[in-house]
Amino acid sequence: MSGRNLPSVITALFVPGSRPDRFSKALAYGADRVIVDFEDAVEESLKQQARHNLAAFLRSHPQAQVMVRINAPDHCEHAADIDFCAAHPGVIGVILPKAESDAQVEALLRCSKPVWPLIESARGLLALQSIAMAKGVERLSFGGLDLALDLGMKGAEESATIMDQARFQLLLHSVSAGLAPPIDTVFANISDLHGLSLAAHRARGMGFDGLLCIHPVQLTVVATVYAPAAREVEWARNVLAAAEKEGGAFRFDGQMVDAPVLQRARQVLAHAN
C-alpha cells in the first residue's frame, strides 16, 4: 500500500516521558497520535526514568498505543531507546529526531515499526532524498526551532521564507518516495490560537497532513481547520455519484472532472470519515 493511502494523522500530541501522570490524560484528549517524548522534554537525569515510566504505564494499560520520540542518534540513551521501542507492542511508531542519514533510519528496522524522521539540521535537509527512501519510513516531519537554530536564522520574516522552502522539500520527497503526507512542525506560542489556526490553514493548503502539537488546547483548533467543510463533502459525494454514471472525463457544475479530480473527492471523504 502506498503511504499516501494511510489514514491521515491530523493531530500528534507530545507528552513528556518524565510526566507519567499525563499519559492517560494525553490519550483521552483524542489526538490521532500521542507521542511520549524521551528527548527534548526530558532532562538528562531523567532519561532512563522516562523509559521506566512508559514501561509501567504500558503494562498497566495493555490497550494503550503511543509513539515515542527517542533520543538523537548521537545521544548515549539512543540505543537503549531503540531496544525499548522494539520490546513494547504498545509503541506503534518511532520519532527519530535530528535525522541526517538513511543509515540512522534503518538502524530502527529492528523495531519493526513505522518511523517518522524529524529533519532538524542542514545535513538532514541535504540528505532528505535518501532519508525519505530509507526502509521503514512512514512519513516525514521537521523541527522548525532546531532547524532555524542550526541555520543561524534571525529575522522572523526571513525565517518563514526558509521554512517554507524546507516544507516544499519535505512534500516533494514524500510524494516521490510514496510516503504518507508530511506533518508540519510545532506552533510554539500556545496562547496564540488564532496564529495556530492560520499556520494550520497554510500547512493544509501546502499538502501537509496535520501538525505536531505541544499542548492539548491546540488539538481542537488543528482538527477544525483540517475538517472538510460541509459544502466540500457534499461536492465530493456528488462528483463521485456522477462519476458512476459517466465514462472517462465529464463536466460537472461547470468543471471538467477527470482522474485527479476524482482522487481529490475521495480524499475529501476519507478526511471527513
Protein backbone atom coordinates (compact mmCIF):
# COMPACT_ATOMS: atom_id res chain seq x y z
CA MET A 1 0.00 0.00 0.00
CA SER A 2 1.24 3.47 -0.81
CA GLY A 3 1.95 5.54 2.26
CA ARG A 4 -0.27 8.26 0.84
CA ASN A 5 -3.23 5.91 1.26
CA LEU A 6 -2.65 5.56 5.01
CA PRO A 7 -5.15 7.20 7.38
CA SER A 8 -4.46 10.87 7.97
CA VAL A 9 -2.71 11.97 11.14
CA ILE A 10 -4.08 15.46 11.75
CA THR A 11 -3.00 15.90 15.37
CA ALA A 12 0.03 14.38 17.09
CA LEU A 13 0.34 15.41 20.74
CA PHE A 14 3.63 15.35 22.66
CA VAL A 15 3.71 14.38 26.33
CA PRO A 16 6.94 14.32 28.37
CA GLY A 17 8.19 10.87 29.31
CA SER A 18 9.08 12.30 32.70
CA ARG A 19 5.39 13.03 33.45
CA PRO A 20 3.62 9.65 33.70
CA ASP A 21 0.67 11.40 35.36
CA ARG A 22 -0.09 12.92 31.95
CA PHE A 23 -0.03 9.75 29.83
CA SER A 24 -3.67 8.76 30.35
CA LYS A 25 -4.79 12.37 30.02
CA ALA A 26 -2.95 12.75 26.72
CA LEU A 27 -4.62 9.64 25.30
CA ALA A 28 -8.03 10.82 26.48
CA TYR A 29 -7.79 14.09 24.56
CA GLY A 30 -8.40 12.23 21.29
CA ALA A 31 -5.29 13.15 19.30
CA ASP A 32 -4.65 10.95 16.28
CA ARG A 33 -1.27 10.07 17.79
CA VAL A 34 0.18 10.55 21.26
CA ILE A 35 3.96 10.90 21.27
CA VAL A 36 5.74 10.14 24.53
CA ASP A 37 8.87 12.26 24.41
CA PHE A 38 12.17 10.83 25.64
CA GLU A 39 14.17 13.66 24.06
CA ASP A 40 13.87 17.44 24.45
CA ALA A 41 11.09 17.43 27.06
CA VAL A 42 13.08 15.21 29.45
CA GLU A 43 16.07 16.47 31.44
CA GLU A 44 19.24 14.42 31.23
CA SER A 45 18.98 12.97 34.73
CA LEU A 46 15.52 11.54 33.98
CA LYS A 47 16.17 9.86 30.61
CA GLN A 48 16.22 6.32 31.99
CA GLN A 49 13.32 7.07 34.32
CA ALA A 50 11.24 8.14 31.30
CA ARG A 51 11.59 4.62 29.86
CA HIS A 52 10.64 3.07 33.20
CA ASN A 53 7.61 5.37 33.39
CA LEU A 54 6.30 4.36 29.99
CA ALA A 55 7.05 0.66 30.56
CA ALA A 56 4.98 0.70 33.74
CA PHE A 57 2.17 2.56 32.01
CA LEU A 58 2.03 0.15 29.08
CA ARG A 59 1.99 -2.85 31.44
CA SER A 60 -0.98 -1.42 33.32
CA HIS A 61 -2.74 -0.21 30.15
CA PRO A 62 -2.27 -3.06 27.63
CA GLN A 63 -4.65 -1.46 25.10
CA ALA A 64 -2.77 1.83 25.01
CA GLN A 65 -0.93 2.78 21.82
CA VAL A 66 1.66 5.54 21.64
CA MET A 67 4.56 6.70 19.54
CA VAL A 68 7.91 7.51 21.12
CA ARG A 69 10.33 10.28 20.25
CA ILE A 70 13.63 8.64 21.10
CA ASN A 71 16.87 10.45 21.80
CA ALA A 72 19.01 11.54 18.85
CA PRO A 73 21.50 9.14 17.22
CA ASP A 74 24.47 10.77 18.95
CA HIS A 75 22.92 10.55 22.43
CA CYS A 76 24.08 7.95 24.94
CA GLU A 77 20.48 6.74 25.51
CA HIS A 78 19.72 6.27 21.81
CA ALA A 79 20.42 2.52 21.62
CA ALA A 80 18.51 1.81 24.84
CA ASP A 81 15.54 3.80 23.50
CA ILE A 82 15.51 1.67 20.34
CA ASP A 83 15.59 -1.52 22.40
CA PHE A 84 12.69 -0.21 24.46
CA CYS A 85 10.56 0.53 21.39
CA ALA A 86 11.29 -2.89 19.93
CA ALA A 87 10.27 -4.64 23.14
CA HIS A 88 6.87 -2.98 23.70
CA PRO A 89 3.88 -3.72 21.44
CA GLY A 90 2.15 -0.60 22.74
CA VAL A 91 4.74 1.52 20.96
CA ILE A 92 3.31 1.72 17.44
CA GLY A 93 5.83 4.10 15.89
CA VAL A 94 9.14 5.85 16.46
CA ILE A 95 10.01 9.53 16.01
CA LEU A 96 13.68 9.91 15.08
CA PRO A 97 14.96 13.41 15.95
CA LYS A 98 17.98 15.02 14.29
CA ALA A 99 17.72 12.59 11.36
CA GLU A 100 20.64 13.10 8.99
CA SER A 101 21.09 9.82 7.08
CA ASP A 102 19.30 6.75 5.80
CA ALA A 103 21.61 4.61 7.96
CA GLN A 104 20.25 6.27 11.10
CA VAL A 105 16.72 5.47 9.99
CA GLU A 106 17.47 1.89 9.03
CA ALA A 107 19.09 1.28 12.42
CA LEU A 108 15.49 1.31 13.68
CA LEU A 109 14.42 -1.60 11.48
CA ARG A 110 14.78 -4.00 14.39
CA CYS A 111 11.80 -2.24 15.97
CA SER A 112 9.63 -3.36 13.02
CA LYS A 113 7.60 -0.19 13.46
CA PRO A 114 6.93 2.89 11.30
CA VAL A 115 9.49 5.68 11.59
CA TRP A 116 8.92 9.41 11.33
CA PRO A 117 12.29 11.12 10.78
CA LEU A 118 12.46 14.69 12.09
CA ILE A 119 14.56 16.97 9.90
CA GLU A 120 16.24 19.49 12.19
CA SER A 121 19.52 20.45 10.54
CA ALA A 122 21.17 21.48 7.28
CA ARG A 123 22.63 17.99 7.00
CA GLY A 124 19.19 16.49 7.38
CA LEU A 125 17.80 18.67 4.59
CA LEU A 126 20.68 17.75 2.29
CA ALA A 127 20.13 14.05 2.99
CA LEU A 128 16.36 14.25 2.65
CA GLN A 129 16.10 12.18 -0.51
CA SER A 130 17.94 9.19 0.96
CA ILE A 131 16.12 9.56 4.29
CA ALA A 132 12.73 9.53 2.56
CA MET A 133 13.67 6.41 0.61
CA ALA A 134 15.01 4.55 3.67
CA LYS A 135 13.27 1.36 4.72
CA GLY A 136 10.72 1.79 7.48
CA VAL A 137 9.85 5.44 6.89
CA GLU A 138 6.13 6.17 7.02
CA ARG A 139 6.13 9.96 6.85
CA LEU A 140 8.39 12.97 7.39
CA SER A 141 8.27 15.94 9.71
CA PHE A 142 10.67 18.64 10.84
CA GLY A 143 11.65 20.63 13.89
CA GLY A 144 11.39 24.27 12.94
CA LEU A 145 13.06 25.65 16.07
CA ASP A 146 16.09 23.37 15.85
CA LEU A 147 16.39 23.89 12.10
CA ALA A 148 16.30 27.67 12.48
CA LEU A 149 18.99 27.45 15.15
CA ASP A 150 21.21 25.20 13.03
CA LEU A 151 20.88 27.52 10.02
CA GLY A 152 21.56 30.63 12.11
CA MET A 153 18.32 32.36 11.12
CA LYS A 154 17.43 35.57 12.98
CA GLY A 155 14.63 37.56 11.32
CA ALA A 156 11.09 36.22 11.67
CA GLU A 157 10.01 37.07 8.11
CA GLU A 158 13.21 35.70 6.60
CA SER A 159 12.95 32.55 8.71
CA ALA A 160 9.40 31.96 7.49
CA THR A 161 10.61 32.07 3.89
CA ILE A 162 13.31 29.48 4.56
CA MET A 163 10.88 27.26 6.49
CA ASP A 164 8.52 27.23 3.53
CA GLN A 165 11.39 26.02 1.36
CA ALA A 166 12.00 23.24 3.86
CA ARG A 167 8.30 22.37 3.75
CA PHE A 168 8.46 22.15 -0.04
CA GLN A 169 11.39 19.74 0.20
CA LEU A 170 9.53 17.53 2.67
CA LEU A 171 6.45 17.48 0.46
CA LEU A 172 8.45 16.85 -2.71
CA HIS A 173 10.38 13.90 -1.28
CA SER A 174 7.32 12.48 0.47
CA VAL A 175 5.45 12.30 -2.82
CA SER A 176 8.49 11.00 -4.70
CA ALA A 177 9.08 8.22 -2.15
CA GLY A 178 5.40 7.29 -1.89
CA LEU A 179 5.19 8.25 1.76
CA ALA A 180 2.18 9.47 3.69
CA PRO A 181 1.90 13.29 3.60
CA PRO A 182 4.30 15.06 5.97
CA ILE A 183 3.35 16.56 9.33
CA ASP A 184 4.10 20.24 9.98
CA THR A 185 6.32 21.41 12.83
CA VAL A 186 5.05 22.61 16.20
CA PHE A 187 3.48 26.03 16.70
CA ALA A 188 5.35 27.21 19.77
CA ASN A 189 3.07 30.02 21.01
CA ILE A 190 0.46 28.05 22.95
CA SER A 191 -1.63 31.12 23.77
CA ASP A 192 -1.91 32.31 20.14
CA LEU A 193 -4.72 30.10 18.87
CA HIS A 194 -5.50 32.46 16.01
CA GLY A 195 -1.91 32.22 14.82
CA LEU A 196 -2.12 28.45 15.17
CA SER A 197 -5.25 28.40 13.01
CA LEU A 198 -3.51 30.42 10.30
CA ALA A 199 -0.49 28.10 10.43
CA ALA A 200 -2.73 25.04 10.17
CA HIS A 201 -4.57 26.51 7.18
CA ARG A 202 -1.25 27.14 5.42
CA ALA A 203 0.00 23.64 6.17
CA ARG A 204 -3.22 22.12 4.89
CA GLY A 205 -3.02 24.17 1.71
CA MET A 206 0.58 23.04 1.21
CA GLY A 207 -0.43 19.38 1.31
CA PHE A 208 0.65 18.58 4.87
CA ASP A 209 -1.45 16.06 6.78
CA GLY A 210 -1.50 17.90 10.11
CA LEU A 211 0.62 19.42 12.86
CA LEU A 212 2.74 18.33 15.77
CA CYS A 213 1.06 19.70 18.91
CA ILE A 214 2.66 20.57 22.23
CA HIS A 215 -0.49 21.33 24.27
CA PRO A 216 -4.00 19.81 24.33
CA VAL A 217 -5.58 23.22 23.67
CA GLN A 218 -4.09 23.09 20.17
CA LEU A 219 -5.87 19.87 19.16
CA THR A 220 -9.34 21.27 18.54
CA VAL A 221 -8.00 24.21 16.53
CA VAL A 222 -5.97 21.99 14.21
CA ALA A 223 -8.71 19.37 13.85
CA THR A 224 -11.25 22.06 12.99
CA VAL A 225 -9.02 23.53 10.29
CA TYR A 226 -8.49 20.13 8.70
CA ALA A 227 -12.12 19.02 8.86
CA PRO A 228 -13.65 19.36 5.37
CA ALA A 229 -16.43 21.93 5.18
CA ALA A 230 -19.95 20.58 4.69
CA ARG A 231 -20.10 22.04 1.17
CA GLU A 232 -16.80 20.35 0.31
CA VAL A 233 -18.09 16.97 1.49
CA GLU A 234 -21.32 17.43 -0.45
CA TRP A 235 -19.33 18.32 -3.59
CA ALA A 236 -17.20 15.20 -3.21
CA ARG A 237 -20.22 12.92 -2.80
CA ASN A 238 -21.99 14.45 -5.79
CA VAL A 239 -18.90 14.23 -8.02
CA LEU A 240 -18.33 10.57 -7.17
CA ALA A 241 -22.03 9.79 -7.69
CA ALA A 242 -21.91 11.46 -11.10
CA ALA A 243 -18.77 9.53 -12.00
CA GLU A 244 -20.64 6.25 -11.58
CA LYS A 245 -22.93 7.28 -14.45
CA GLU A 246 -20.31 8.85 -16.68
CA GLY A 247 -17.43 7.35 -18.60
CA GLY A 248 -13.99 8.98 -18.67
CA ALA A 249 -13.79 12.74 -18.22
CA PHE A 250 -17.06 14.63 -17.85
CA ARG A 251 -18.44 18.06 -17.00
CA PHE A 252 -19.88 18.70 -13.53
CA ASP A 253 -21.11 22.10 -12.29
CA GLY A 254 -19.07 23.82 -14.96
CA GLN A 255 -15.88 21.95 -14.06
CA MET A 256 -14.10 19.30 -16.08
CA VAL A 257 -13.81 16.17 -13.96
CA ASP A 258 -11.08 13.62 -14.64
CA ALA A 259 -8.97 11.20 -12.59
CA PRO A 260 -7.15 13.79 -10.40
CA VAL A 261 -10.45 15.49 -9.50
CA LEU A 262 -12.00 12.16 -8.57
CA GLN A 263 -8.98 11.33 -6.42
CA ARG A 264 -9.37 14.67 -4.67
CA ALA A 265 -13.04 13.87 -3.99
CA ARG A 266 -12.09 10.52 -2.48
CA GLN A 267 -9.52 12.23 -0.25
CA VAL A 268 -12.12 14.71 0.98
CA LEU A 269 -14.47 11.90 2.00
CA ALA A 270 -11.61 9.96 3.61
CA HIS A 271 -10.77 13.00 5.74
CA ALA A 272 -14.43 13.53 6.57
CA ASN A 273 -14.70 9.96 7.82
